[in-house]
Amino acid sequence: NFVNTLKKNLVLTGMMGSGKTTIGKSLSQRLNMQFADIDDIIEKKNGLSISMIFEQRGEKTFRQEEEVESKNALKRSNIIIALGGGAFINKNIRDEIKKNSVSIWLDLDVEMLYKRVNLNQKRPLLKNSSKEDLKKIYNDRKKIYSLADFKIQCTLKNKDQIINEIVKIYASR
């Protein structure tokens, strides 16, 4: 079957701050694949940060655009895609991912996520948030993230260990 000979896409999902963009960029060099960061694409297209889009146009508008851009990226082949933290929650996006992609949940404990997102003020859902707010978002989302094909527990691993694990998973597909 011709479709099966195409290289599958690799989709990284997980909470904001879990390392999807950093890991995705390094993986794309290592596997010689293109890389798409959905949040980045949306920011460039709008000339606004994700926070500003949330502020000016609302989360609903952002989520609609996120679905369009995620589906556009998924139409390509042999690409690594870093989804925004909330994108995998969207069933339409998940269904598209299942068609021709390997999905990997980069899981990180709430302590580490909190340290990372606190250093980055670009996270609209976490502006002025407490660790409890983050924990609630994590707990709400983890049952959906667990629908990914694979889960990598990243808390005690460095970037290279995570990348090596993903390369093994991808090579076995």
C-alpha atoms as a PDB file:
ATOM      1  CA  ASN A   1       0.000   0.000   0.000  1.00  0.00           C
ATOM      2  CA  PHE A   2       1.530   3.289  -1.169  1.00  0.00           C
ATOM      3  CA  VAL A   3       0.207   5.318   1.769  1.00  0.00           C
ATOM      4  CA  ASN A   4       2.058   3.091   4.227  1.00  0.00           C
ATOM      5  CA  THR A   5       5.366   3.777   2.494  1.00  0.00           C
ATOM      6  CA  LEU A   6       5.081   7.480   3.333  1.00  0.00           C
ATOM      7  CA  LYS A   7       6.942   8.505   6.434  1.00  0.00           C
ATOM      8  CA  LYS A   8       4.565   9.190   9.259  1.00  0.00           C
ATOM      9  CA  ASN A   9       4.440  12.568  10.937  1.00  0.00           C
ATOM     10  CA  LEU A  10       5.601  12.895  14.515  1.00  0.00           C
ATOM     11  CA  VAL A  11       3.331  14.944  16.775  1.00  0.00           C
ATOM     12  CA  LEU A  12       4.439  16.186  20.196  1.00  0.00           C
ATOM     13  CA  THR A  13       1.756  17.023  22.722  1.00  0.00           C
ATOM     14  CA  GLY A  14       1.739  17.954  26.390  1.00  0.00           C
ATOM     15  CA  MET A  15       1.372  20.877  28.722  1.00  0.00           C
ATOM     16  CA  MET A  16       2.783  24.310  28.032  1.00  0.00           C
ATOM     17  CA  GLY A  17       6.373  24.202  29.215  1.00  0.00           C
ATOM     18  CA  SER A  18       6.827  20.465  28.633  1.00  0.00           C
ATOM     19  CA  GLY A  19       9.498  21.077  25.983  1.00  0.00           C
ATOM     20  CA  LYS A  20       7.592  20.348  22.761  1.00  0.00           C
ATOM     21  CA  THR A  21       9.260  23.140  20.762  1.00  0.00           C
ATOM     22  CA  THR A  22      12.782  22.576  22.104  1.00  0.00           C
ATOM     23  CA  ILE A  23      12.585  18.801  21.607  1.00  0.00           C
ATOM     24  CA  GLY A  24      10.852  19.182  18.231  1.00  0.00           C
ATOM     25  CA  LYS A  25      13.542  21.499  16.833  1.00  0.00           C
ATOM     26  CA  SER A  26      16.353  19.172  17.913  1.00  0.00           C
ATOM     27  CA  LEU A  27      14.492  16.115  16.616  1.00  0.00           C
ATOM     28  CA  SER A  28      13.944  17.744  13.230  1.00  0.00           C
ATOM     29  CA  GLN A  29      17.708  18.200  12.827  1.00  0.00           C
ATOM     30  CA  ARG A  30      18.474  14.701  14.058  1.00  0.00           C
ATOM     31  CA  LEU A  31      15.860  12.996  11.840  1.00  0.00           C
ATOM     32  CA  ASN A  32      16.293  15.438   8.952  1.00  0.00           C
ATOM     33  CA  MET A  33      12.584  16.282   8.970  1.00  0.00           C
ATOM     34  CA  GLN A  34      10.742  19.569   8.745  1.00  0.00           C
ATOM     35  CA  PHE A  35       9.475  21.137  11.972  1.00  0.00           C
ATOM     36  CA  ALA A  36       6.263  23.075  12.598  1.00  0.00           C
ATOM     37  CA  ASP A  37       5.375  24.793  15.850  1.00  0.00           C
ATOM     38  CA  ILE A  38       1.647  25.519  15.687  1.00  0.00           C
ATOM     39  CA  ASP A  39       1.721  28.396  18.209  1.00  0.00           C
ATOM     40  CA  ASP A  40       4.609  29.947  16.300  1.00  0.00           C
ATOM     41  CA  ILE A  41       2.725  29.670  12.982  1.00  0.00           C
ATOM     42  CA  ILE A  42      -0.342  31.353  14.517  1.00  0.00           C
ATOM     43  CA  GLU A  43       1.762  34.162  16.040  1.00  0.00           C
ATOM     44  CA  LYS A  44       3.544  34.868  12.738  1.00  0.00           C
ATOM     45  CA  LYS A  45       0.300  34.781  10.754  1.00  0.00           C
ATOM     46  CA  ASN A  46      -1.416  37.237  13.108  1.00  0.00           C
ATOM     47  CA  GLY A  47       1.576  39.385  13.998  1.00  0.00           C
ATOM     48  CA  LEU A  48       0.516  38.939  17.615  1.00  0.00           C
ATOM     49  CA  SER A  49       1.621  36.802  20.546  1.00  0.00           C
ATOM     50  CA  ILE A  50      -0.698  33.997  21.663  1.00  0.00           C
ATOM     51  CA  SER A  51      -1.401  36.072  24.804  1.00  0.00           C
ATOM     52  CA  MET A  52      -2.484  39.048  22.694  1.00  0.00           C
ATOM     53  CA  ILE A  53      -4.691  36.859  20.513  1.00  0.00           C
ATOM     54  CA  PHE A  54      -6.392  35.500  23.662  1.00  0.00           C
ATOM     55  CA  GLU A  55      -6.740  39.034  25.046  1.00  0.00           C
ATOM     56  CA  GLN A  56      -7.975  40.733  21.875  1.00  0.00           C
ATOM     57  CA  ARG A  57      -9.948  37.993  20.133  1.00  0.00           C
ATOM     58  CA  GLY A  58     -10.706  35.460  22.839  1.00  0.00           C
ATOM     59  CA  GLU A  59      -9.827  31.819  23.398  1.00  0.00           C
ATOM     60  CA  LYS A  60     -12.581  30.546  21.086  1.00  0.00           C
ATOM     61  CA  THR A  61     -11.134  32.404  18.077  1.00  0.00           C
ATOM     62  CA  PHE A  62      -7.654  31.183  18.959  1.00  0.00           C
ATOM     63  CA  ARG A  63      -8.837  27.557  19.242  1.00  0.00           C
ATOM     64  CA  GLN A  64     -10.529  27.760  15.821  1.00  0.00           C
ATOM     65  CA  GLU A  65      -7.336  29.022  14.242  1.00  0.00           C
ATOM     66  CA  GLU A  66      -5.321  26.408  16.133  1.00  0.00           C
ATOM     67  CA  GLU A  67      -7.511  23.681  14.601  1.00  0.00           C
ATOM     68  CA  VAL A  68      -7.064  25.053  11.070  1.00  0.00           C
ATOM     69  CA  GLU A  69      -3.270  25.398  11.405  1.00  0.00           C
ATOM     70  CA  SER A  70      -2.867  22.004  13.087  1.00  0.00           C
ATOM     71  CA  LYS A  71      -4.855  20.283  10.335  1.00  0.00           C
ATOM     72  CA  ASN A  72      -2.844  22.126   7.646  1.00  0.00           C
ATOM     73  CA  ALA A  73       0.427  20.931   9.173  1.00  0.00           C
ATOM     74  CA  LEU A  74      -0.940  17.379   9.484  1.00  0.00           C
ATOM     75  CA  LYS A  75      -1.688  17.292   5.735  1.00  0.00           C
ATOM     76  CA  ARG A  76       2.052  17.352   5.117  1.00  0.00           C
ATOM     77  CA  SER A  77       4.203  14.260   5.495  1.00  0.00           C
ATOM     78  CA  ASN A  78       7.526  13.632   7.136  1.00  0.00           C
ATOM     79  CA  ILE A  79       7.121  16.540   9.537  1.00  0.00           C
ATOM     80  CA  ILE A  80       7.508  16.985  13.280  1.00  0.00           C
ATOM     81  CA  ILE A  81       4.711  19.052  14.796  1.00  0.00           C
ATOM     82  CA  ALA A  82       4.731  20.723  18.205  1.00  0.00           C
ATOM     83  CA  LEU A  83       1.114  21.309  19.164  1.00  0.00           C
ATOM     84  CA  GLY A  84       0.039  24.059  21.513  1.00  0.00           C
ATOM     85  CA  GLY A  85      -0.727  22.830  25.041  1.00  0.00           C
ATOM     86  CA  GLY A  86      -4.487  22.734  24.444  1.00  0.00           C
ATOM     87  CA  ALA A  87      -4.597  21.504  20.846  1.00  0.00           C
ATOM     88  CA  PHE A  88      -4.731  17.765  21.615  1.00  0.00           C
ATOM     89  CA  ILE A  89      -7.909  18.399  23.631  1.00  0.00           C
ATOM     90  CA  ASN A  90      -9.663  19.097  20.299  1.00  0.00           C
ATOM     91  CA  LYS A  91     -11.130  15.810  19.030  1.00  0.00           C
ATOM     92  CA  ASN A  92     -10.960  16.962  15.379  1.00  0.00           C
ATOM     93  CA  ILE A  93      -7.218  17.508  15.720  1.00  0.00           C
ATOM     94  CA  ARG A  94      -6.752  14.178  17.529  1.00  0.00           C
ATOM     95  CA  ASP A  95      -8.712  12.332  14.817  1.00  0.00           C
ATOM     96  CA  GLU A  96      -6.494  13.909  12.144  1.00  0.00           C
ATOM     97  CA  ILE A  97      -3.363  12.923  14.083  1.00  0.00           C
ATOM     98  CA  LYS A  98      -4.511   9.288  14.273  1.00  0.00           C
ATOM     99  CA  LYS A  99      -4.648   9.064  10.448  1.00  0.00           C
ATOM    100  CA  ASN A 100      -0.967   9.431   9.609  1.00  0.00           C
ATOM    101  CA  SER A 101       1.010  10.429  12.671  1.00  0.00           C
ATOM    102  CA  VAL A 102       2.720   9.028  15.702  1.00  0.00           C
ATOM    103  CA  SER A 103       1.722  11.078  18.754  1.00  0.00           C
ATOM    104  CA  ILE A 104       3.908  11.398  21.810  1.00  0.00           C
ATOM    105  CA  TRP A 105       2.900  12.963  25.114  1.00  0.00           C
ATOM    106  CA  LEU A 106       5.841  14.711  26.772  1.00  0.00           C
ATOM    107  CA  ASP A 107       4.816  14.461  30.415  1.00  0.00           C
ATOM    108  CA  LEU A 108       6.466  16.556  33.080  1.00  0.00           C
ATOM    109  CA  ASP A 109       5.538  16.874  36.741  1.00  0.00           C
ATOM    110  CA  VAL A 110       3.662  19.986  37.866  1.00  0.00           C
ATOM    111  CA  GLU A 111       6.616  21.280  39.954  1.00  0.00           C
ATOM    112  CA  MET A 112       8.894  21.399  36.918  1.00  0.00           C
ATOM    113  CA  LEU A 113       6.128  22.768  34.648  1.00  0.00           C
ATOM    114  CA  TYR A 114       5.472  25.540  37.141  1.00  0.00           C
ATOM    115  CA  LYS A 115       9.159  26.518  37.254  1.00  0.00           C
ATOM    116  CA  ARG A 116       9.301  26.615  33.444  1.00  0.00           C
ATOM    117  CA  VAL A 117       6.060  28.497  32.793  1.00  0.00           C
ATOM    118  CA  ASN A 118       6.853  31.024  35.485  1.00  0.00           C
ATOM    119  CA  LEU A 119       9.963  31.975  33.523  1.00  0.00           C
ATOM    120  CA  ASN A 120       7.814  32.542  30.445  1.00  0.00           C
ATOM    121  CA  GLN A 121       5.061  35.139  30.480  1.00  0.00           C
ATOM    122  CA  LYS A 122       3.773  34.118  27.028  1.00  0.00           C
ATOM    123  CA  ARG A 123       1.322  31.563  28.461  1.00  0.00           C
ATOM    124  CA  PRO A 124      -2.173  33.111  28.311  1.00  0.00           C
ATOM    125  CA  LEU A 125      -3.925  30.501  30.453  1.00  0.00           C
ATOM    126  CA  LEU A 126      -1.341  30.868  33.191  1.00  0.00           C
ATOM    127  CA  LYS A 127      -0.918  34.629  33.531  1.00  0.00           C
ATOM    128  CA  ASN A 128      -0.790  35.383  37.258  1.00  0.00           C
ATOM    129  CA  SER A 129      -1.612  31.756  38.039  1.00  0.00           C
ATOM    130  CA  SER A 130      -0.752  29.749  41.080  1.00  0.00           C
ATOM    131  CA  LYS A 131       0.715  26.276  41.131  1.00  0.00           C
ATOM    132  CA  GLU A 132      -2.799  25.081  42.031  1.00  0.00           C
ATOM    133  CA  ASP A 133      -4.203  26.605  38.825  1.00  0.00           C
ATOM    134  CA  LEU A 134      -1.526  24.813  36.816  1.00  0.00           C
ATOM    135  CA  LYS A 135      -2.208  21.559  38.649  1.00  0.00           C
ATOM    136  CA  LYS A 136      -5.922  21.864  37.812  1.00  0.00           C
ATOM    137  CA  ILE A 137      -5.202  22.396  34.085  1.00  0.00           C
ATOM    138  CA  TYR A 138      -2.766  19.451  34.156  1.00  0.00           C
ATOM    139  CA  ASN A 139      -5.279  17.181  35.883  1.00  0.00           C
ATOM    140  CA  ASP A 140      -8.032  18.192  33.455  1.00  0.00           C
ATOM    141  CA  ARG A 141      -5.834  17.517  30.429  1.00  0.00           C
ATOM    142  CA  LYS A 142      -3.859  14.411  31.385  1.00  0.00           C
ATOM    143  CA  LYS A 143      -6.710  12.003  30.614  1.00  0.00           C
ATOM    144  CA  ILE A 144      -6.783  13.432  27.063  1.00  0.00           C
ATOM    145  CA  TYR A 145      -2.988  13.534  26.708  1.00  0.00           C
ATOM    146  CA  SER A 146      -2.954   9.856  27.682  1.00  0.00           C
ATOM    147  CA  LEU A 147      -4.744   9.124  24.377  1.00  0.00           C
ATOM    148  CA  ALA A 148      -1.441   9.816  22.590  1.00  0.00           C
ATOM    149  CA  ASP A 149       0.255   6.752  21.066  1.00  0.00           C
ATOM    150  CA  PHE A 150       3.192   7.027  23.469  1.00  0.00           C
ATOM    151  CA  LYS A 151       4.000   8.788  26.727  1.00  0.00           C
ATOM    152  CA  ILE A 152       7.480   9.838  27.767  1.00  0.00           C
ATOM    153  CA  GLN A 153       7.967  10.774  31.398  1.00  0.00           C
ATOM    154  CA  CYS A 154      10.408  13.680  30.989  1.00  0.00           C
ATOM    155  CA  THR A 155      10.818  14.883  34.572  1.00  0.00           C
ATOM    156  CA  LEU A 156      14.076  13.040  35.319  1.00  0.00           C
ATOM    157  CA  LYS A 157      15.435  12.957  31.762  1.00  0.00           C
ATOM    158  CA  ASN A 158      17.626  15.413  29.924  1.00  0.00           C
ATOM    159  CA  LYS A 159      16.940  16.610  26.385  1.00  0.00           C
ATOM    160  CA  ASP A 160      19.193  13.997  24.744  1.00  0.00           C
ATOM    161  CA  GLN A 161      17.586  11.111  26.647  1.00  0.00           C
ATOM    162  CA  ILE A 162      14.120  12.278  25.585  1.00  0.00           C
ATOM    163  CA  ILE A 163      15.218  12.698  21.961  1.00  0.00           C
ATOM    164  CA  ASN A 164      16.832   9.242  21.918  1.00  0.00           C
ATOM    165  CA  GLU A 165      13.639   7.701  23.280  1.00  0.00           C
ATOM    166  CA  ILE A 166      11.529   9.419  20.605  1.00  0.00           C
ATOM    167  CA  VAL A 167      13.943   8.368  17.830  1.00  0.00           C
ATOM    168  CA  LYS A 168      13.594   4.729  18.961  1.00  0.00           C
ATOM    169  CA  ILE A 169       9.804   4.980  19.003  1.00  0.00           C
ATOM    170  CA  TYR A 170       9.714   6.641  15.592  1.00  0.00           C
ATOM    171  CA  ALA A 171      12.141   4.175  14.018  1.00  0.00           C
ATOM    172  CA  SER A 172       9.995   1.251  15.178  1.00  0.00           C
ATOM    173  CA  ARG A 173       6.842   2.593  13.439  1.00  0.00           C
END
